[in-house]
Protein backbone atom coordinates (compact mmCIF):
# COMPACT_ATOMS: atom_id res chain seq x y z
CA MET A 1 131.48 -35.42 268.44
CA GLU A 2 131.66 -35.50 264.58
CA HIS A 3 130.04 -31.79 262.86
CA ARG A 4 129.90 -33.28 259.89
CA LEU A 5 126.07 -32.96 258.22
CA PRO A 6 124.40 -36.21 257.87
CA GLN A 7 123.15 -36.77 253.83
CA LEU A 8 119.47 -36.76 254.11
CA ASN A 9 117.55 -36.59 250.45
CA THR A 10 113.92 -36.40 252.32
CA MET A 11 113.13 -33.49 254.48
CA LEU A 12 111.46 -30.14 254.92
CA LEU A 13 113.02 -27.98 252.91
CA ASN A 14 111.07 -24.26 253.41
CA LEU A 15 108.50 -23.08 255.78
CA SER A 16 106.76 -19.74 254.79
CA ILE A 17 103.94 -17.79 256.62
CA ASN A 18 101.91 -14.98 256.05
CA ASP A 19 99.77 -12.96 258.40
CA LEU A 20 99.56 -15.68 260.80
CA ALA A 21 99.06 -14.64 264.23
CA VAL A 22 102.23 -12.81 265.83
CA VAL A 23 104.18 -13.63 261.91
CA LYS A 24 103.56 -11.07 259.08
CA ALA A 25 105.71 -12.73 256.46
CA LEU A 26 108.19 -15.74 257.46
CA ASP A 27 110.44 -17.36 254.70
CA LEU A 28 112.68 -19.73 256.45
CA ASP A 29 115.24 -22.36 254.76
CA LEU A 30 115.74 -25.43 256.57
CA ASP A 31 118.41 -27.79 256.00
CA CYS A 32 119.34 -31.55 257.51
CA GLY A 33 120.60 -32.58 260.71
CA MET A 34 119.30 -31.38 264.20
CA SER A 35 117.97 -27.72 264.37
CA VAL A 36 116.85 -25.84 267.35
CA LEU A 37 114.83 -23.11 268.09
CA THR A 38 115.52 -20.69 270.73
CA GLY A 39 114.24 -17.22 271.66
CA GLU A 40 113.23 -15.36 274.97
CA THR A 41 109.76 -17.16 276.32
CA GLY A 42 106.73 -15.58 274.36
CA ALA A 43 108.67 -14.56 271.29
CA GLY A 44 106.83 -16.76 269.04
CA LYS A 45 108.50 -20.13 268.66
CA SER A 46 105.06 -21.73 269.27
CA ILE A 47 103.30 -20.47 266.53
CA LEU A 48 105.66 -21.86 264.26
CA LEU A 49 104.68 -25.34 265.39
CA THR A 50 101.04 -23.73 265.21
CA ALA A 51 101.96 -23.20 261.45
CA LEU A 52 103.41 -26.60 260.72
CA GLY A 53 100.21 -28.27 262.23
CA LEU A 54 98.27 -26.14 260.54
CA ALA A 55 99.61 -27.20 257.35
CA LEU A 56 99.84 -30.34 258.22
CA GLY A 57 95.80 -30.82 258.37
CA ASP A 58 95.17 -29.47 262.55
CA ARG A 59 91.94 -27.89 262.59
CA ALA A 60 91.83 -23.96 262.18
CA ASP A 61 89.94 -20.91 263.11
CA SER A 62 89.36 -17.39 262.32
CA GLY A 63 91.61 -16.50 265.41
CA TYR A 64 94.89 -17.77 263.65
CA VAL A 65 94.57 -14.73 260.88
CA ARG A 66 96.63 -11.62 261.86
CA PRO A 67 94.77 -8.74 263.25
CA ASN A 68 93.44 -6.37 259.84
CA CYS A 69 94.38 -8.91 257.47
CA LYS A 70 92.03 -10.86 255.27
CA ARG A 71 93.39 -14.60 255.76
CA ALA A 72 96.62 -16.65 257.07
CA GLU A 73 99.14 -18.77 254.67
CA VAL A 74 101.30 -21.56 255.19
CA ASN A 75 103.35 -23.45 252.62
CA LEU A 76 105.92 -26.39 253.05
CA GLU A 77 107.89 -27.61 250.44
CA PHE A 78 109.31 -31.16 251.09
CA ASP A 79 111.91 -32.95 249.20
CA LEU A 80 110.62 -36.59 248.77
CA THR A 81 113.70 -38.01 246.70
CA ASP A 82 113.98 -41.19 249.78
CA ALA A 83 109.93 -40.84 250.60
CA PRO A 84 108.58 -44.01 249.16
CA LEU A 85 105.39 -44.26 251.47
CA ALA A 86 104.64 -40.54 250.52
CA LYS A 87 105.36 -41.07 246.92
CA ALA A 88 103.16 -43.95 246.44
CA TRP A 89 100.19 -42.10 248.16
CA LEU A 90 101.04 -39.11 245.50
CA ALA A 91 101.05 -41.46 242.75
CA GLU A 92 98.01 -43.37 243.93
CA GLN A 93 95.62 -39.64 244.46
CA GLU A 94 97.33 -38.45 241.32
CA LEU A 95 99.06 -35.69 243.49
CA ASP A 96 102.57 -36.33 242.49
CA ASP A 97 104.94 -33.92 240.94
CA ASP A 98 108.67 -34.88 240.48
CA ARG A 99 110.48 -35.39 244.03
CA HIS A 100 109.34 -32.38 245.30
CA CYS A 101 106.03 -32.03 247.45
CA LEU A 102 104.25 -28.28 248.14
CA ILE A 103 101.69 -28.01 250.55
CA ARG A 104 99.45 -25.14 251.13
CA ARG A 105 97.18 -24.46 253.55
CA ILE A 106 95.13 -21.25 253.74
CA ILE A 107 92.57 -20.11 256.65
CA ASN A 108 90.18 -16.92 256.08
CA GLN A 109 89.21 -14.59 258.26
CA ASP A 110 85.60 -16.43 258.23
CA GLY A 111 87.40 -19.19 259.74
CA ARG A 112 87.25 -21.51 256.49
CA SER A 113 90.69 -22.98 255.27
CA LYS A 114 91.29 -24.75 252.29
CA ALA A 115 94.28 -27.02 251.55
CA TYR A 116 96.73 -27.36 248.15
CA ILE A 117 99.10 -30.79 248.04
CA ASN A 118 101.19 -29.72 244.85
CA ASN A 119 99.04 -26.95 244.00
CA ARG A 120 95.70 -29.26 243.68
CA PRO A 121 92.93 -28.81 246.46
CA VAL A 122 92.09 -31.20 248.62
CA THR A 123 90.14 -32.15 251.87
CA LEU A 124 91.38 -31.88 255.28
CA GLN A 125 91.09 -35.74 255.69
CA SER A 126 93.97 -35.80 252.58
CA LEU A 127 96.15 -33.72 253.93
CA GLN A 128 96.38 -35.45 257.17
CA SER A 129 97.01 -38.68 255.61
CA LEU A 130 100.07 -37.70 253.72
CA SER A 131 101.33 -35.78 256.49
CA GLU A 132 101.77 -38.59 258.78
CA LYS A 133 103.61 -40.01 256.24
CA LEU A 134 105.81 -36.94 256.19
CA VAL A 135 106.07 -35.48 259.68
CA GLU A 136 105.84 -36.60 263.57
CA ILE A 137 105.37 -33.85 266.05
CA HIS A 138 106.12 -34.33 269.99
CA GLY A 139 104.56 -32.13 272.07
CA GLN A 140 105.74 -30.51 275.12
CA HIS A 141 102.75 -32.44 276.93
CA ALA A 142 103.56 -36.17 275.09
CA HIS A 143 104.27 -37.21 278.85
CA LEU A 144 100.62 -36.54 279.75
CA THR A 145 99.60 -38.66 276.41
CA LEU A 146 101.61 -41.36 277.42
CA LEU A 147 99.80 -42.00 280.33
CA ASN A 148 97.13 -43.33 278.42
CA GLY A 149 96.92 -47.50 278.22
CA ASP A 150 95.89 -46.75 274.14
CA GLU A 151 98.83 -45.05 273.77
CA GLN A 152 100.93 -47.12 275.01
CA ARG A 153 99.54 -50.26 273.41
CA ARG A 154 100.08 -48.06 269.91
CA LEU A 155 103.64 -47.00 270.67
CA LEU A 156 104.65 -50.68 271.19
CA ASP A 157 102.73 -51.63 267.88
CA ASP A 158 104.16 -48.93 265.70
CA TYR A 159 107.66 -49.87 267.78
CA SER A 160 106.80 -53.95 266.55
CA LYS A 161 105.91 -53.01 263.22
CA ASN A 162 102.37 -54.45 263.54
CA GLN A 163 100.47 -52.38 261.53
CA ALA A 164 99.91 -55.05 258.97
CA LEU A 165 99.03 -57.49 261.27
CA LEU A 166 96.56 -54.63 263.00
CA ASP A 167 94.83 -54.26 259.96
CA THR A 168 94.52 -58.25 259.16
CA LEU A 169 92.93 -58.39 262.59
CA ASN A 170 90.50 -55.46 262.20
CA GLN A 171 89.01 -57.08 259.00
CA HIS A 172 88.70 -60.12 260.92
CA TYR A 173 86.71 -58.20 263.84
CA GLN A 174 84.74 -56.65 261.54
CA GLN A 175 83.35 -59.70 259.63
CA TRP A 176 82.68 -61.31 263.00
CA HIS A 177 81.13 -58.45 264.10
CA ASP A 178 78.89 -58.23 261.43
CA SER A 179 77.82 -61.36 261.27
CA ASN A 180 78.23 -61.69 265.16
CA ARG A 181 75.40 -58.87 265.19
CA LYS A 182 73.13 -60.75 262.64
CA LEU A 183 73.22 -63.84 264.60
CA ALA A 184 72.06 -62.12 267.76
CA ALA A 185 69.27 -60.65 265.85
CA LEU A 186 68.32 -64.35 264.05
CA ARG A 187 68.35 -65.57 267.37
CA GLU A 188 66.19 -62.92 268.92
CA ALA A 189 63.55 -63.43 266.47
CA CYS A 190 63.74 -67.55 266.57
CA THR A 191 63.20 -66.86 270.34
CA ASN A 192 59.14 -66.04 269.37
CA ARG A 193 59.46 -67.72 266.31
CA GLU A 194 56.79 -70.07 266.81
CA GLU A 195 54.24 -67.13 268.55
CA ARG A 196 54.81 -65.30 265.26
CA GLU A 197 54.34 -68.32 262.78
CA GLU A 198 50.94 -69.17 264.25
CA LEU A 199 49.85 -65.15 263.70
CA LEU A 200 51.11 -65.40 260.53
CA ARG A 201 49.31 -68.57 259.61
CA PHE A 202 46.19 -66.79 260.41
CA GLN A 203 46.97 -63.99 259.03
CA ILE A 204 47.41 -65.71 255.74
CA GLU A 205 44.38 -67.92 255.82
CA GLU A 206 42.18 -64.91 256.71
CA LEU A 207 43.53 -63.26 253.55
CA GLY A 208 43.13 -66.38 251.59
CA GLN A 209 39.84 -66.11 251.71
CA LEU A 210 39.27 -63.10 249.23
CA ALA A 211 40.41 -65.26 246.50
CA LEU A 212 43.80 -62.83 246.30
CA GLU A 213 44.49 -64.72 243.01
CA HIS A 214 41.97 -63.33 240.99
CA PHE A 215 41.46 -60.31 243.47
CA ASN A 216 40.32 -57.05 241.67
CA TYR A 217 38.99 -54.38 244.13
CA ALA A 218 37.81 -52.42 241.70
CA GLU A 219 35.82 -54.68 239.66
CA LEU A 220 34.06 -55.60 242.52
CA THR A 221 33.02 -52.26 243.89
CA GLU A 222 31.81 -51.73 240.16
CA GLU A 223 29.62 -54.40 239.98
CA HIS A 224 28.53 -53.76 243.45
CA ARG A 225 27.48 -50.12 242.43
CA THR A 226 25.46 -51.94 239.67
CA LEU A 227 23.42 -54.40 241.06
CA ALA A 228 22.37 -51.77 244.21
CA HIS A 229 21.08 -49.48 241.71
CA LEU A 230 19.40 -52.18 239.19
CA GLY A 231 16.10 -50.60 239.57
CA GLU A 232 16.76 -47.28 238.71
CA ILE A 233 19.12 -48.20 235.72
CA LEU A 234 16.12 -50.78 234.57
CA SER A 235 13.68 -48.03 234.71
CA ASN A 236 15.71 -45.36 233.64
CA GLY A 237 17.06 -47.17 230.78
CA HIS A 238 13.44 -48.20 228.98
CA GLN A 239 12.38 -44.99 229.52
CA GLN A 240 15.09 -43.55 227.26
CA LEU A 241 15.06 -46.09 225.01
CA GLU A 242 10.93 -45.40 224.51
CA ARG A 243 11.61 -41.98 223.77
CA LEU A 244 14.88 -43.07 221.51
CA HIS A 245 13.21 -45.76 219.61
CA GLU A 246 9.98 -47.64 221.10
CA ALA A 247 7.05 -44.89 220.76
CA GLU A 248 5.65 -45.31 217.09
CA GLU A 249 4.63 -41.77 216.98
CA GLN A 250 6.81 -39.69 219.49
CA SER A 251 10.30 -41.59 219.18
CA LEU A 252 13.19 -39.48 218.22
CA ASN A 253 13.50 -41.78 215.58
CA GLN A 254 10.37 -41.35 213.88
CA GLN A 255 10.43 -37.68 214.09
CA LEU A 256 13.92 -37.57 212.43
CA GLN A 257 12.58 -39.81 209.94
CA ARG A 258 9.90 -37.74 209.03
CA SER A 259 12.30 -34.78 209.02
CA ILE A 260 14.46 -36.63 206.30
CA ASN A 261 11.62 -37.43 203.97
CA ALA A 262 10.22 -33.45 204.20
CA LEU A 263 13.75 -32.33 203.36
CA THR A 264 14.18 -35.18 200.60
CA ASP A 265 11.14 -34.05 198.39
CA LEU A 266 12.88 -30.49 198.72
CA THR A 267 16.02 -31.48 197.30
CA ARG A 268 14.00 -31.28 193.73
CA TYR A 269 14.29 -27.50 194.03
CA ALA A 270 17.43 -27.15 196.19
CA PRO A 271 20.00 -29.87 195.62
CA ASP A 272 22.13 -28.42 198.57
CA LEU A 273 20.08 -30.13 200.84
CA ASN A 274 21.38 -33.50 199.95
CA ALA A 275 24.55 -33.09 202.08
CA ILE A 276 22.12 -32.33 205.21
CA THR A 277 20.07 -35.05 204.53
CA SER A 278 22.96 -37.66 204.46
CA LEU A 279 24.15 -35.83 207.72
CA LEU A 280 20.45 -36.66 209.37
CA THR A 281 20.33 -40.09 208.13
CA GLU A 282 23.63 -41.01 209.38
CA ALA A 283 22.35 -39.40 212.63
CA GLN A 284 18.98 -42.06 212.32
CA ILE A 285 21.25 -45.23 212.18
CA GLN A 286 23.84 -43.77 215.03
CA ILE A 287 20.39 -43.70 217.22
CA GLU A 288 18.96 -47.36 216.10
CA GLU A 289 22.29 -48.52 217.07
CA GLY A 290 22.21 -46.80 220.16
CA ALA A 291 18.76 -48.31 220.81
CA GLN A 292 19.90 -51.53 219.96
CA GLN A 293 22.63 -51.74 222.35
CA LEU A 294 20.57 -50.21 225.29
CA ARG A 295 17.86 -52.59 224.47
CA ARG A 296 20.56 -55.42 224.74
CA TYR A 297 21.89 -53.97 227.81
CA LEU A 298 18.77 -53.76 229.71
CA ASN A 299 17.29 -56.90 228.40
CA ALA A 300 20.84 -59.04 230.12
CA LEU A 301 20.30 -56.97 233.34
CA GLU A 302 18.84 -58.88 235.92
CA ALA A 303 18.06 -58.85 239.63
CA ASP A 304 20.67 -61.07 241.73
CA PRO A 305 19.66 -60.63 245.53
CA GLU A 306 22.48 -63.30 246.56
CA ARG A 307 24.44 -61.59 244.38
CA LEU A 308 24.60 -58.55 245.88
CA GLN A 309 24.70 -59.67 249.32
CA TRP A 310 27.87 -61.68 248.54
CA LEU A 311 29.72 -58.71 247.06
CA GLU A 312 28.47 -56.49 250.39
CA ASN A 313 29.92 -58.94 252.33
CA GLN A 314 33.63 -59.50 250.80
CA ILE A 315 33.62 -55.54 250.51
CA GLY A 316 33.21 -55.50 253.98
CA ILE A 317 35.79 -58.16 254.70
CA ILE A 318 38.02 -56.40 251.94
CA GLN A 319 37.78 -52.92 254.04
CA ALA A 320 37.69 -54.61 257.50
CA LEU A 321 41.18 -56.33 256.42
CA SER A 322 42.54 -53.02 254.97
CA ARG A 323 41.84 -51.31 258.08
CA LYS A 324 43.24 -54.00 260.32
CA HIS A 325 46.45 -54.72 258.63
CA HIS A 326 47.27 -50.52 257.71
CA VAL A 327 47.05 -51.08 253.75
CA PRO A 328 45.05 -49.47 251.31
CA PRO A 329 42.65 -52.61 249.86
CA GLU A 330 44.50 -52.88 246.60
CA GLN A 331 47.54 -53.58 248.54
CA LEU A 332 46.01 -56.68 250.02
CA PRO A 333 47.55 -58.97 247.74
CA GLU A 334 51.46 -58.02 247.96
CA LEU A 335 50.62 -57.88 251.75
CA PHE A 336 49.53 -62.05 251.83
CA ALA A 337 52.94 -62.72 249.31
CA GLN A 338 54.85 -60.70 251.95
CA LEU A 339 53.66 -62.61 254.98
CA GLU A 340 54.16 -65.91 252.92
CA LEU A 341 57.52 -65.20 252.50
CA GLU A 342 58.13 -63.95 256.15
CA LEU A 343 56.61 -67.72 257.10
CA GLY A 344 58.95 -69.71 254.51
CA ASN A 345 61.38 -67.87 256.19
CA LEU A 346 60.83 -68.69 259.98
CA SER A 347 60.25 -72.09 258.72
CA HIS A 348 63.92 -72.22 257.70
CA GLY A 349 65.56 -70.05 260.74
CA SER A 350 66.81 -73.10 262.09
CA GLU A 351 68.98 -73.66 259.19
CA GLN A 352 69.74 -70.20 258.95
CA LEU A 353 70.95 -70.10 262.40
CA GLU A 354 73.34 -73.37 262.43
CA ALA A 355 74.81 -72.19 258.93
CA LEU A 356 75.15 -68.39 260.47
CA SER A 357 76.57 -69.52 263.93
CA ALA A 358 78.99 -72.01 261.97
CA GLN A 359 80.12 -68.67 259.75
CA VAL A 360 80.58 -66.58 263.14
CA GLN A 361 82.88 -69.42 264.42
CA SER A 362 85.24 -69.95 261.70
CA GLN A 363 85.76 -65.99 261.36
CA LEU A 364 86.62 -66.17 265.53
CA THR A 365 88.59 -68.87 264.58
CA GLN A 366 90.66 -66.66 261.89
CA TYR A 367 90.44 -63.34 264.36
CA ARG A 368 92.14 -65.77 267.06
CA GLN A 369 94.66 -66.97 264.95
CA VAL A 370 96.16 -63.37 264.27
CA ALA A 371 95.30 -61.68 267.40
CA GLY A 372 97.88 -64.76 268.77
CA GLN A 373 100.10 -63.79 266.00
CA LEU A 374 99.93 -59.88 267.29
CA SER A 375 100.38 -61.31 270.74
CA ARG A 376 103.42 -62.69 269.73
CA GLN A 377 105.07 -59.62 267.99
CA ARG A 378 103.91 -57.84 270.59
CA SER A 379 105.68 -59.94 273.43
CA ALA A 380 109.11 -60.03 271.16
CA GLY A 381 108.91 -56.45 270.37
CA GLY A 382 107.80 -55.41 274.19
CA SER A 383 111.15 -57.24 275.55
CA LYS A 384 113.23 -55.77 272.59
CA LEU A 385 111.74 -52.04 273.52
CA GLN A 386 111.73 -52.26 277.68
CA ARG A 387 115.60 -53.20 277.33
CA GLN A 388 116.08 -50.14 275.22
CA ILE A 389 114.28 -47.69 277.23
CA SER A 390 115.70 -49.36 280.11
CA ASP A 391 119.49 -48.43 279.19
CA MET A 392 118.47 -45.17 278.10
CA ILE A 393 116.91 -43.66 281.17
CA LYS A 394 119.96 -44.85 283.40
CA GLU A 395 121.84 -42.25 281.08
CA LEU A 396 119.26 -39.87 281.85
CA GLY A 397 119.56 -39.70 285.28
CA MET A 398 117.64 -42.63 286.73
CA PRO A 399 120.83 -45.67 287.42
CA GLN A 400 118.81 -47.66 289.05
CA GLY A 401 115.69 -47.01 286.82
CA GLU A 402 113.87 -50.31 285.45
CA PHE A 403 111.45 -50.08 282.33
CA ILE A 404 108.82 -52.85 282.08
CA VAL A 405 106.26 -53.22 279.22
CA HIS A 406 103.32 -55.35 280.60
CA ILE A 407 101.69 -57.29 278.43
CA THR A 408 98.47 -59.34 279.89
CA PRO A 409 95.75 -61.23 278.04
CA LEU A 410 92.23 -60.07 278.07
CA ASP A 411 89.04 -62.20 278.17
CA ALA A 412 89.34 -64.31 275.21
CA ALA A 413 85.32 -64.41 274.62
CA THR A 414 85.12 -61.03 274.00
CA PRO A 415 87.07 -60.07 270.69
CA ARG A 416 88.33 -56.12 270.16
CA ALA A 417 89.91 -54.04 267.13
CA PHE A 418 92.91 -53.81 268.78
CA GLY A 419 94.03 -57.75 269.75
CA GLN A 420 93.23 -59.30 272.77
CA ASP A 421 96.16 -57.48 274.94
CA LYS A 422 96.71 -54.92 277.71
CA VAL A 423 99.15 -52.90 277.28
CA GLU A 424 101.01 -51.38 280.46
CA PHE A 425 104.43 -49.41 280.66
CA LEU A 426 105.62 -49.93 284.54
CA VAL A 427 108.66 -48.30 285.74
CA SER A 428 110.95 -48.95 288.90
CA ALA A 429 113.13 -45.88 289.43
CA ASN A 430 114.89 -47.66 292.51
CA PRO A 431 116.24 -51.11 293.45
CA GLY A 432 113.86 -53.21 295.67
CA LEU A 433 110.52 -51.19 294.86
CA PRO A 434 107.93 -52.95 292.94
CA PRO A 435 107.20 -51.40 289.20
CA LYS A 436 104.45 -49.31 289.51
CA PRO A 437 102.04 -47.49 286.00
CA LEU A 438 103.96 -44.21 284.62
CA ALA A 439 100.72 -42.15 285.99
CA LYS A 440 101.65 -43.60 289.18
CA VAL A 441 105.77 -41.89 288.98
CA ALA A 442 105.97 -39.20 291.30
CA SER A 443 108.56 -37.00 290.28
CA GLY A 444 107.84 -34.61 286.82
CA GLY A 445 111.48 -35.14 286.03
CA GLU A 446 111.64 -38.63 286.09
CA LEU A 447 108.35 -38.60 283.84
CA SER A 448 109.75 -36.18 281.63
CA ARG A 449 112.57 -38.07 281.19
CA ILE A 450 111.02 -41.49 280.76
CA SER A 451 108.90 -40.09 278.03
CA LEU A 452 111.81 -38.90 276.52
CA ALA A 453 113.58 -42.31 276.53
CA ILE A 454 110.46 -43.60 274.96
CA GLN A 455 109.83 -40.96 272.20
CA VAL A 456 113.67 -41.05 270.74
CA SER A 457 113.40 -45.55 271.06
CA THR A 458 110.22 -45.49 269.37
CA SER A 459 111.41 -42.87 266.78
CA SER A 460 114.32 -44.97 265.76
CA ASP A 461 112.58 -47.13 263.20
CA LYS A 462 110.09 -44.72 262.36
CA THR A 463 109.98 -43.98 258.45
CA VAL A 464 108.89 -40.41 258.73
CA PRO A 465 111.79 -37.75 257.46
CA THR A 466 110.81 -35.17 259.63
CA MET A 467 110.48 -34.99 263.51
CA ILE A 468 109.40 -32.20 265.20
CA PHE A 469 110.21 -32.39 269.80
CA ASP A 470 108.14 -29.37 271.25
CA GLU A 471 110.00 -28.21 274.71
CA VAL A 472 110.08 -32.16 275.31
CA ASP A 473 112.92 -31.90 277.83
CA SER A 474 111.11 -29.85 280.38
CA GLY A 475 111.94 -31.23 283.80
CA ILE A 476 115.78 -31.75 282.70
CA GLY A 477 118.87 -29.92 283.66
CA GLY A 478 122.48 -30.26 284.06
CA GLY A 479 124.05 -33.23 282.35
CA ILE A 480 121.47 -34.99 281.79
CA ALA A 481 120.26 -32.40 279.04
CA GLU A 482 123.61 -32.43 277.59
CA ILE A 483 122.71 -36.56 277.15
CA VAL A 484 119.50 -35.56 275.76
CA GLY A 485 120.78 -33.02 273.60
CA GLN A 486 123.12 -35.76 271.98
CA LYS A 487 120.23 -38.21 271.84
CA LEU A 488 118.31 -36.47 269.54
CA ARG A 489 121.33 -35.36 267.70
CA ALA A 490 121.78 -38.73 267.28
CA LEU A 491 118.23 -39.50 266.04
CA SER A 492 119.11 -36.77 263.50
CA ARG A 493 121.47 -39.04 261.52
CA ASP A 494 118.47 -40.52 259.39
CA ARG A 495 116.12 -37.96 259.46
CA GLN A 496 115.58 -34.40 260.02
CA VAL A 497 114.97 -33.42 263.52
CA MET A 498 114.31 -29.92 264.72
CA CYS A 499 113.25 -28.98 268.45
CA VAL A 500 111.80 -26.15 270.52
CA THR A 501 114.17 -25.79 273.80
CA HIS A 502 114.76 -23.73 276.60
CA LEU A 503 118.14 -26.03 277.60
CA PRO A 504 121.60 -24.42 276.61
CA GLN A 505 122.82 -28.02 277.21
CA VAL A 506 120.42 -29.10 273.72
CA ALA A 507 120.87 -26.11 271.88
CA ALA A 508 124.66 -26.32 271.88
CA GLN A 509 124.00 -30.29 270.43
CA ALA A 510 122.39 -29.24 267.08
CA HIS A 511 123.78 -28.33 263.61
CA HIS A 512 121.64 -25.59 263.05
CA HIS A 513 120.27 -22.92 265.62
CA LEU A 514 117.35 -20.93 265.02
CA TYR A 515 116.55 -17.78 266.89
CA VAL A 516 112.90 -16.45 267.52
CA SER A 517 112.44 -13.01 268.45
CA LYS A 518 109.79 -10.53 268.37
CA SER A 519 109.39 -6.97 268.29
CA ASN A 520 106.89 -3.82 269.14
CA GLN A 521 107.72 -1.25 266.02
CA THR A 522 103.81 -0.95 265.04
CA ASP A 523 100.84 -1.58 267.25
CA ILE A 524 100.92 -5.08 266.05
CA THR A 525 103.44 -7.64 267.67
CA ALA A 526 105.40 -9.27 265.10
CA SER A 527 107.59 -12.21 265.61
CA SER A 528 110.77 -13.11 263.12
CA VAL A 529 113.21 -15.79 262.85
CA ARG A 530 117.04 -15.85 261.82
CA ASN A 531 119.50 -18.54 261.67
CA LEU A 532 122.51 -17.57 263.93
CA SER A 533 126.30 -17.71 263.12
CA THR A 534 128.54 -19.17 265.31
CA GLU A 535 129.39 -15.92 267.07
CA GLU A 536 125.63 -15.30 267.83
CA ARG A 537 124.93 -18.58 268.85
CA VAL A 538 127.54 -18.23 271.40
CA GLU A 539 126.11 -15.07 272.45
CA GLU A 540 122.35 -16.98 272.77
CA ILE A 541 123.84 -20.14 274.30
CA ALA A 542 125.48 -17.48 276.91
CA ARG A 543 121.89 -15.88 277.17
CA MET A 544 120.52 -19.02 278.01
CA LEU A 545 123.10 -20.21 280.58
CA GLY A 546 123.18 -16.76 282.18
CA GLY A 547 119.88 -14.83 282.18
CA VAL A 548 119.92 -11.16 281.87
CA THR A 549 123.90 -10.11 282.71
CA ILE A 550 126.05 -11.93 280.76
CA THR A 551 129.61 -11.86 281.87
CA ASN A 552 133.20 -13.32 279.96
CA ASN A 553 132.69 -16.39 281.63
CA THR A 554 129.43 -17.41 280.83
CA LEU A 555 130.77 -16.43 277.00
CA ALA A 556 133.72 -18.82 277.48
CA HIS A 557 131.40 -21.33 279.11
CA ALA A 558 128.84 -20.98 275.90
CA LYS A 559 132.11 -21.23 273.22
CA GLU A 560 133.33 -24.15 274.96
CA MET A 561 129.71 -26.11 275.29
CA LEU A 562 129.47 -25.59 271.51
CA PHE A 563 132.72 -26.22 270.38
CA GLN A 564 132.63 -29.74 272.54
CA SER A 565 129.12 -30.28 271.06
CA THR A 566 130.78 -29.71 267.34
CA PRO A 567 134.35 -29.89 267.21
CA GLY A 568 135.88 -28.15 264.49
CA ILE A 569 133.34 -25.66 264.19
CA ASN A 570 134.64 -22.35 262.78
CA LEU A 571 134.47 -18.99 264.71
CA GLY A 572 134.48 -17.32 261.39
CA ASP A 573 131.48 -19.27 260.01
CA SER A 574 129.11 -16.37 258.71
CA ASN A 575 125.21 -15.61 259.36
CA THR A 576 123.93 -17.25 256.68
CA GLY A 577 120.97 -14.48 256.96
CA GLN A 578 117.86 -12.84 257.97
CA GLN A 579 115.09 -15.52 257.12
CA ASN A 580 112.32 -13.61 257.91
CA GLN A 581 110.44 -10.26 256.35
């Protein structure tokens, strides 16, 4: 096997961590090709994947912050030279910065967190949107996720490059769904249309008796008050008219005239009284004008019992309708207009129903055309995928195994956002046995191997530059483990692959070997990571092979495994140095 490293221009260059759980400080440079992370159980391998997940947008809480620290911080640096999707997204969001991308996530002691892309704050949703274009993580329980039918359909669609079709289909589905909901509401309304029309016509006729085109409730109530108190107005009004002007000797007008005459005589001796006399004369003029207007007003008033009765009836009707419709009297004209509008709409309901039905049918036809195209692509992709995975599971120790992508049509009468297909992964482990769903595969080891074959096969055409596998090789051993390592190494030819493993056969296949260890020199456990030299790789593979006691035979076996996997490797290779603080 060739040891030459792949030449990749897009990958994760650096991971740095501060005060995250068991990691005090870590500054880890990463390279292209395949890297493995190994170490004793509990050394902290999982915290590195946790750190990556947090930096890529996973939910955070205060439990991630190292004890006695104010905050935890994770930084990632990516080279995006050949990552067009990520670069396009960054440019669209105005977050681009040359060919590198820096991601930073801070988790505070109170559980709140902040995210940054190229030193600019972003939402968690934005961070997740970018991250899915950069890194894909396959967890150690991925085989459990694969048992889900939705996940199986998603994997097939990803493999078949159906995303553009799915987006178009979803648009047609949403248009049909919205129109169909409106159509159902209109049909329900039309079911009771005749009863509603009859009620509306009665209410409109009832309100129509109010002559609403000239309706003014304030004027009606004002006129009613005047007529209802007409006797009091006339009696009091004439009494005041008498006092102001009509009483010959005692009227205010006559008394004021006598005062004006007396003061006018005194002006011969006191000229300053002229101004006062002028004011009193003006007052007399105002009193005379006021008296004349009062006389005209009183003369115009006359009792009108019929008008008063009509007003009382009209106001009674208005108030009764106001209570009936639960609106203030002043809003009855507005209610009348609304009822007329609703009646008009109901009258045209059949036309609207016909038009909306035609629209729904047209949208359904468009949906089915795209759904049909999606089904054909799924069928073609499924045939290719099942051949590829069947070949791979044979290599992984299931020589009689057959993998089947079973696609069955769903009820065509009910559109769905994901299409009209049910996708199910079936497996026949032995000849003569009918294929069964993955969930019914008896052996955990078989399920792990099938899961790995699916992940590797569906990853071959993906555009994410970095893939991380977390103990996906559990349940596998011996020669099969070596083949698994070869598959992961082959996958790293055109992308960066990181793998947490406990298998020496897998570790021996890597271009780079990272060792995770922990120390208890203080009260708080701390984990560290370093890149192993060739000699150290031999020792670590021997530990993974032999356990506590490492013999010369174990070391020789480890050296042989490493040399077979990476011919040309030099025992004189120097350690690249500690990657933690």
